[in-house]
C-alpha cells in the first residue's frame, strides 16, 4: 500500500488535521500520532512544526509537495502541514516512508 492511499483513507475517515493551525490544535489536544510537512514548505514552517512535535514527542517527516498533497487529499490550495490522528495510520505511514524508529 502507498502513503497516498493511506492518507486518502485517513482523510475520508476524518483522521487528519490538515493545515498548520488544525495540526497545532490537534497537537494541543493530544490527538496527533504523526506530523507530516511537505518537502517544499518553508524552513519556518518546518521549524515550527518540529518544535511542536518535539515538545509532544511526536514523529515528524517530510513528505510530498504542497500542491501534490492538496490534490491527493481533495483539498483546495496547498497543504504544507498535516497531522495524522490515528495511531495505526501513523505507524503504517512511518513504515512506508522508512522513518519508523528514526525520528
N, C-alpha and C. Protein backbone atom coordinates (compact mmCIF):
# COMPACT_ATOMS: atom_id res chain seq x y z
N UNK A 1 0.85 -1.18 0.00
CA UNK A 1 0.00 0.00 0.00
C UNK A 1 0.89 1.24 0.00
N UNK A 2 0.42 2.28 -0.65
CA UNK A 2 1.20 3.52 -0.76
C UNK A 2 0.75 4.53 0.29
N UNK A 3 1.65 5.46 0.60
CA UNK A 3 1.36 6.51 1.57
C UNK A 3 0.13 7.31 1.13
N UNK A 4 0.06 7.63 -0.15
CA UNK A 4 -1.07 8.43 -0.66
C UNK A 4 -2.40 7.72 -0.41
N UNK A 5 -2.40 6.40 -0.57
CA UNK A 5 -3.61 5.61 -0.33
C UNK A 5 -4.01 5.70 1.13
N UNK A 6 -3.05 5.53 2.03
CA UNK A 6 -3.33 5.64 3.46
C UNK A 6 -3.84 7.02 3.82
N UNK A 7 -3.23 8.05 3.24
CA UNK A 7 -3.69 9.41 3.53
C UNK A 7 -5.11 9.62 3.04
N UNK A 8 -5.44 9.06 1.90
CA UNK A 8 -6.80 9.16 1.38
C UNK A 8 -7.80 8.49 2.31
N UNK A 9 -7.46 7.29 2.79
CA UNK A 9 -8.33 6.58 3.74
C UNK A 9 -8.49 7.40 5.02
N UNK A 10 -7.36 7.92 5.53
CA UNK A 10 -7.40 8.70 6.77
C UNK A 10 -8.24 9.96 6.59
N UNK A 11 -8.11 10.60 5.45
CA UNK A 11 -8.90 11.82 5.17
C UNK A 11 -10.39 11.50 5.19
N UNK A 12 -10.77 10.45 4.47
CA UNK A 12 -12.19 10.08 4.41
C UNK A 12 -12.73 9.66 5.78
N UNK A 13 -11.87 9.10 6.61
CA UNK A 13 -12.28 8.68 7.95
C UNK A 13 -12.22 9.81 8.97
N UNK A 14 -11.77 10.99 8.55
CA UNK A 14 -11.68 12.13 9.46
C UNK A 14 -10.53 12.03 10.43
N UNK A 15 -9.47 11.37 10.02
CA UNK A 15 -8.33 11.13 10.90
C UNK A 15 -7.11 11.98 10.56
N UNK A 16 -7.33 13.08 9.84
CA UNK A 16 -6.25 14.02 9.52
C UNK A 16 -6.65 15.41 9.97
N UNK A 17 -5.68 16.14 10.48
CA UNK A 17 -5.84 17.57 10.73
C UNK A 17 -5.00 18.25 9.65
N UNK A 18 -5.67 18.94 8.73
CA UNK A 18 -4.99 19.48 7.56
C UNK A 18 -4.75 20.97 7.73
N UNK A 19 -3.47 21.37 7.57
CA UNK A 19 -3.07 22.76 7.72
C UNK A 19 -2.37 22.99 9.04
N UNK A 20 -1.56 24.02 9.08
CA UNK A 20 -0.75 24.30 10.27
C UNK A 20 -1.60 24.52 11.52
N UNK A 21 -2.65 25.33 11.39
CA UNK A 21 -3.46 25.65 12.56
C UNK A 21 -4.24 24.43 13.05
N UNK A 22 -4.80 23.67 12.13
CA UNK A 22 -5.55 22.46 12.52
C UNK A 22 -4.61 21.45 13.19
N UNK A 23 -3.40 21.31 12.65
CA UNK A 23 -2.42 20.38 13.23
C UNK A 23 -2.01 20.85 14.62
N UNK A 24 -1.81 22.14 14.78
CA UNK A 24 -1.42 22.68 16.08
C UNK A 24 -2.52 22.45 17.11
N UNK A 25 -3.76 22.68 16.72
CA UNK A 25 -4.89 22.47 17.62
C UNK A 25 -4.99 21.00 18.03
N UNK A 26 -4.84 20.10 17.05
CA UNK A 26 -4.89 18.67 17.35
C UNK A 26 -3.74 18.26 18.27
N UNK A 27 -2.56 18.84 18.05
CA UNK A 27 -1.41 18.56 18.93
C UNK A 27 -1.69 19.00 20.35
N UNK A 28 -2.25 20.18 20.50
CA UNK A 28 -2.55 20.71 21.84
C UNK A 28 -3.57 19.83 22.56
N UNK A 29 -4.43 19.17 21.81
CA UNK A 29 -5.43 18.28 22.39
C UNK A 29 -4.90 16.86 22.60
N UNK A 30 -3.65 16.63 22.21
CA UNK A 30 -3.03 15.32 22.39
C UNK A 30 -3.54 14.25 21.44
N UNK A 31 -4.03 14.66 20.27
CA UNK A 31 -4.63 13.71 19.34
C UNK A 31 -3.70 13.29 18.20
N UNK A 32 -2.49 13.81 18.13
CA UNK A 32 -1.63 13.58 16.97
C UNK A 32 -0.62 12.46 17.24
N UNK A 33 -0.47 11.59 16.22
CA UNK A 33 0.50 10.50 16.30
C UNK A 33 1.62 10.66 15.28
N UNK A 34 1.43 11.58 14.32
CA UNK A 34 2.45 11.84 13.31
C UNK A 34 2.19 13.19 12.67
N UNK A 35 3.25 13.98 12.52
CA UNK A 35 3.17 15.23 11.76
C UNK A 35 3.88 15.02 10.44
N UNK A 36 3.26 15.52 9.37
CA UNK A 36 3.87 15.45 8.05
C UNK A 36 3.97 16.87 7.51
N UNK A 37 5.15 17.22 6.99
CA UNK A 37 5.41 18.54 6.44
C UNK A 37 5.90 18.35 5.01
N UNK A 38 5.32 19.10 4.09
CA UNK A 38 5.72 18.96 2.69
C UNK A 38 7.19 19.33 2.54
N UNK A 39 7.83 18.71 1.55
CA UNK A 39 9.25 18.96 1.33
C UNK A 39 9.52 20.37 0.83
N UNK A 40 8.49 21.03 0.26
CA UNK A 40 8.68 22.40 -0.21
C UNK A 40 8.08 23.45 0.73
N UNK A 41 7.78 23.04 1.96
CA UNK A 41 7.33 24.01 2.97
C UNK A 41 8.51 24.90 3.34
N UNK A 42 8.22 26.07 3.83
CA UNK A 42 9.29 26.99 4.22
C UNK A 42 10.05 26.43 5.42
N UNK A 43 11.27 26.88 5.59
CA UNK A 43 12.07 26.44 6.74
C UNK A 43 11.40 26.86 8.04
N UNK A 44 10.71 27.98 8.03
CA UNK A 44 9.99 28.44 9.22
C UNK A 44 8.85 27.48 9.57
N UNK A 45 8.12 27.05 8.55
CA UNK A 45 7.03 26.08 8.78
C UNK A 45 7.59 24.80 9.37
N UNK A 46 8.71 24.31 8.79
CA UNK A 46 9.34 23.09 9.31
C UNK A 46 9.78 23.29 10.75
N UNK A 47 10.46 24.39 11.04
CA UNK A 47 10.94 24.65 12.41
C UNK A 47 9.79 24.68 13.40
N UNK A 48 8.71 25.39 13.05
CA UNK A 48 7.56 25.49 13.95
C UNK A 48 6.94 24.12 14.20
N UNK A 49 6.77 23.35 13.14
CA UNK A 49 6.20 22.01 13.28
C UNK A 49 7.14 21.12 14.09
N UNK A 50 8.44 21.21 13.83
CA UNK A 50 9.41 20.39 14.54
C UNK A 50 9.43 20.72 16.03
N UNK A 51 9.32 21.99 16.37
CA UNK A 51 9.28 22.38 17.79
C UNK A 51 8.05 21.79 18.48
N UNK A 52 6.90 21.88 17.82
CA UNK A 52 5.67 21.33 18.40
C UNK A 52 5.78 19.81 18.55
N UNK A 53 6.31 19.16 17.52
CA UNK A 53 6.45 17.71 17.55
C UNK A 53 7.39 17.27 18.67
N UNK A 54 8.50 17.97 18.81
CA UNK A 54 9.47 17.63 19.84
C UNK A 54 8.88 17.80 21.23
N UNK A 55 8.15 18.88 21.40
CA UNK A 55 7.52 19.17 22.69
C UNK A 55 6.57 18.05 23.10
N UNK A 56 5.87 17.47 22.14
CA UNK A 56 4.89 16.42 22.42
C UNK A 56 5.42 15.01 22.13
N UNK A 57 6.70 14.93 21.74
CA UNK A 57 7.35 13.65 21.41
C UNK A 57 6.59 12.91 20.30
N UNK A 58 6.29 13.64 19.23
CA UNK A 58 5.56 13.12 18.08
C UNK A 58 6.54 13.01 16.91
N UNK A 59 6.52 11.91 16.16
CA UNK A 59 7.40 11.82 14.98
C UNK A 59 6.97 12.83 13.91
N UNK A 60 7.94 13.28 13.15
CA UNK A 60 7.68 14.24 12.08
C UNK A 60 8.47 13.83 10.85
N UNK A 61 7.85 13.93 9.68
CA UNK A 61 8.51 13.55 8.44
C UNK A 61 8.22 14.58 7.35
N UNK A 62 9.16 14.69 6.42
CA UNK A 62 8.94 15.45 5.19
C UNK A 62 8.27 14.49 4.22
N UNK A 63 7.23 14.97 3.54
CA UNK A 63 6.61 14.11 2.55
C UNK A 63 5.89 14.93 1.49
N UNK A 64 6.13 14.61 0.24
CA UNK A 64 5.43 15.23 -0.88
C UNK A 64 5.67 16.72 -1.03
N UNK A 65 4.92 17.30 -1.92
CA UNK A 65 4.96 18.75 -2.12
C UNK A 65 3.57 19.31 -1.85
N UNK A 66 3.51 20.59 -1.52
CA UNK A 66 2.25 21.22 -1.09
C UNK A 66 1.10 20.99 -2.06
N UNK A 67 1.33 21.25 -3.33
CA UNK A 67 0.25 21.10 -4.32
C UNK A 67 -0.15 19.64 -4.51
N UNK A 68 0.83 18.74 -4.51
CA UNK A 68 0.55 17.31 -4.65
C UNK A 68 -0.29 16.80 -3.49
N UNK A 69 0.10 17.18 -2.28
CA UNK A 69 -0.65 16.73 -1.11
C UNK A 69 -2.09 17.23 -1.16
N UNK A 70 -2.26 18.48 -1.50
CA UNK A 70 -3.61 19.05 -1.59
C UNK A 70 -4.44 18.29 -2.62
N UNK A 71 -3.85 18.05 -3.77
CA UNK A 71 -4.56 17.35 -4.85
C UNK A 71 -4.96 15.94 -4.41
N UNK A 72 -4.04 15.24 -3.81
CA UNK A 72 -4.31 13.86 -3.39
C UNK A 72 -5.32 13.77 -2.26
N UNK A 73 -5.43 14.84 -1.48
CA UNK A 73 -6.39 14.85 -0.38
C UNK A 73 -7.71 15.49 -0.75
N UNK A 74 -7.78 16.01 -1.97
CA UNK A 74 -9.00 16.67 -2.39
C UNK A 74 -9.20 18.00 -1.69
N UNK A 75 -8.10 18.68 -1.42
CA UNK A 75 -8.08 19.94 -0.68
C UNK A 75 -7.80 21.07 -1.66
N UNK A 76 -8.50 22.18 -1.52
CA UNK A 76 -8.21 23.30 -2.41
C UNK A 76 -6.99 24.06 -1.91
N UNK A 77 -6.17 24.55 -2.81
CA UNK A 77 -4.97 25.29 -2.42
C UNK A 77 -3.79 24.36 -2.21
N UNK A 78 -3.04 24.61 -1.16
CA UNK A 78 -1.84 23.84 -0.86
C UNK A 78 -1.90 23.29 0.57
N UNK A 79 -1.20 22.20 0.80
CA UNK A 79 -1.12 21.62 2.14
C UNK A 79 0.35 21.49 2.50
N UNK A 80 0.80 22.29 3.44
CA UNK A 80 2.19 22.23 3.88
C UNK A 80 2.35 21.36 5.13
N UNK A 81 1.31 21.30 5.96
CA UNK A 81 1.38 20.54 7.21
C UNK A 81 0.10 19.74 7.38
N UNK A 82 0.26 18.50 7.81
CA UNK A 82 -0.92 17.73 8.20
C UNK A 82 -0.54 16.82 9.35
N UNK A 83 -1.54 16.52 10.15
CA UNK A 83 -1.34 15.66 11.31
C UNK A 83 -2.21 14.43 11.19
N UNK A 84 -1.63 13.28 11.48
CA UNK A 84 -2.36 12.02 11.48
C UNK A 84 -2.80 11.77 12.92
N UNK A 85 -4.11 11.58 13.10
CA UNK A 85 -4.65 11.50 14.46
C UNK A 85 -5.03 10.08 14.88
N UNK A 86 -4.63 9.10 14.10
CA UNK A 86 -4.91 7.72 14.47
C UNK A 86 -3.59 6.95 14.46
N UNK A 87 -3.32 6.23 15.54
CA UNK A 87 -2.02 5.62 15.75
C UNK A 87 -1.63 4.60 14.67
N UNK A 88 -2.55 3.74 14.27
CA UNK A 88 -2.20 2.72 13.28
C UNK A 88 -1.86 3.32 11.93
N UNK A 89 -2.63 4.33 11.49
CA UNK A 89 -2.30 5.01 10.24
C UNK A 89 -0.91 5.63 10.35
N UNK A 90 -0.61 6.25 11.48
CA UNK A 90 0.70 6.88 11.68
C UNK A 90 1.81 5.85 11.58
N UNK A 91 1.64 4.72 12.25
CA UNK A 91 2.65 3.66 12.20
C UNK A 91 2.88 3.16 10.77
N UNK A 92 1.76 2.94 10.07
CA UNK A 92 1.87 2.44 8.69
C UNK A 92 2.56 3.45 7.78
N UNK A 93 2.24 4.71 7.94
CA UNK A 93 2.88 5.76 7.12
C UNK A 93 4.37 5.84 7.44
N UNK A 94 4.72 5.78 8.70
CA UNK A 94 6.14 5.81 9.08
C UNK A 94 6.88 4.62 8.48
N UNK A 95 6.25 3.47 8.51
CA UNK A 95 6.87 2.27 7.93
C UNK A 95 7.08 2.45 6.43
N UNK A 96 6.07 2.96 5.74
CA UNK A 96 6.16 3.13 4.29
C UNK A 96 7.16 4.21 3.88
N UNK A 97 7.34 5.22 4.73
CA UNK A 97 8.30 6.27 4.41
C UNK A 97 9.70 5.91 4.87
N UNK A 98 9.82 4.79 5.56
CA UNK A 98 11.14 4.35 6.05
C UNK A 98 11.61 5.14 7.25
N UNK A 99 10.69 5.81 7.93
CA UNK A 99 11.08 6.66 9.06
C UNK A 99 10.74 6.04 10.40
N UNK A 100 10.19 4.84 10.42
CA UNK A 100 9.82 4.25 11.70
C UNK A 100 11.06 4.02 12.55
N UNK A 101 10.98 4.53 13.77
CA UNK A 101 12.08 4.39 14.70
C UNK A 101 13.18 5.41 14.55
N UNK A 102 13.12 6.30 13.55
CA UNK A 102 14.21 7.26 13.33
C UNK A 102 14.00 8.57 14.04
N UNK A 103 12.79 9.14 13.95
CA UNK A 103 12.62 10.50 14.45
C UNK A 103 11.70 10.54 15.63
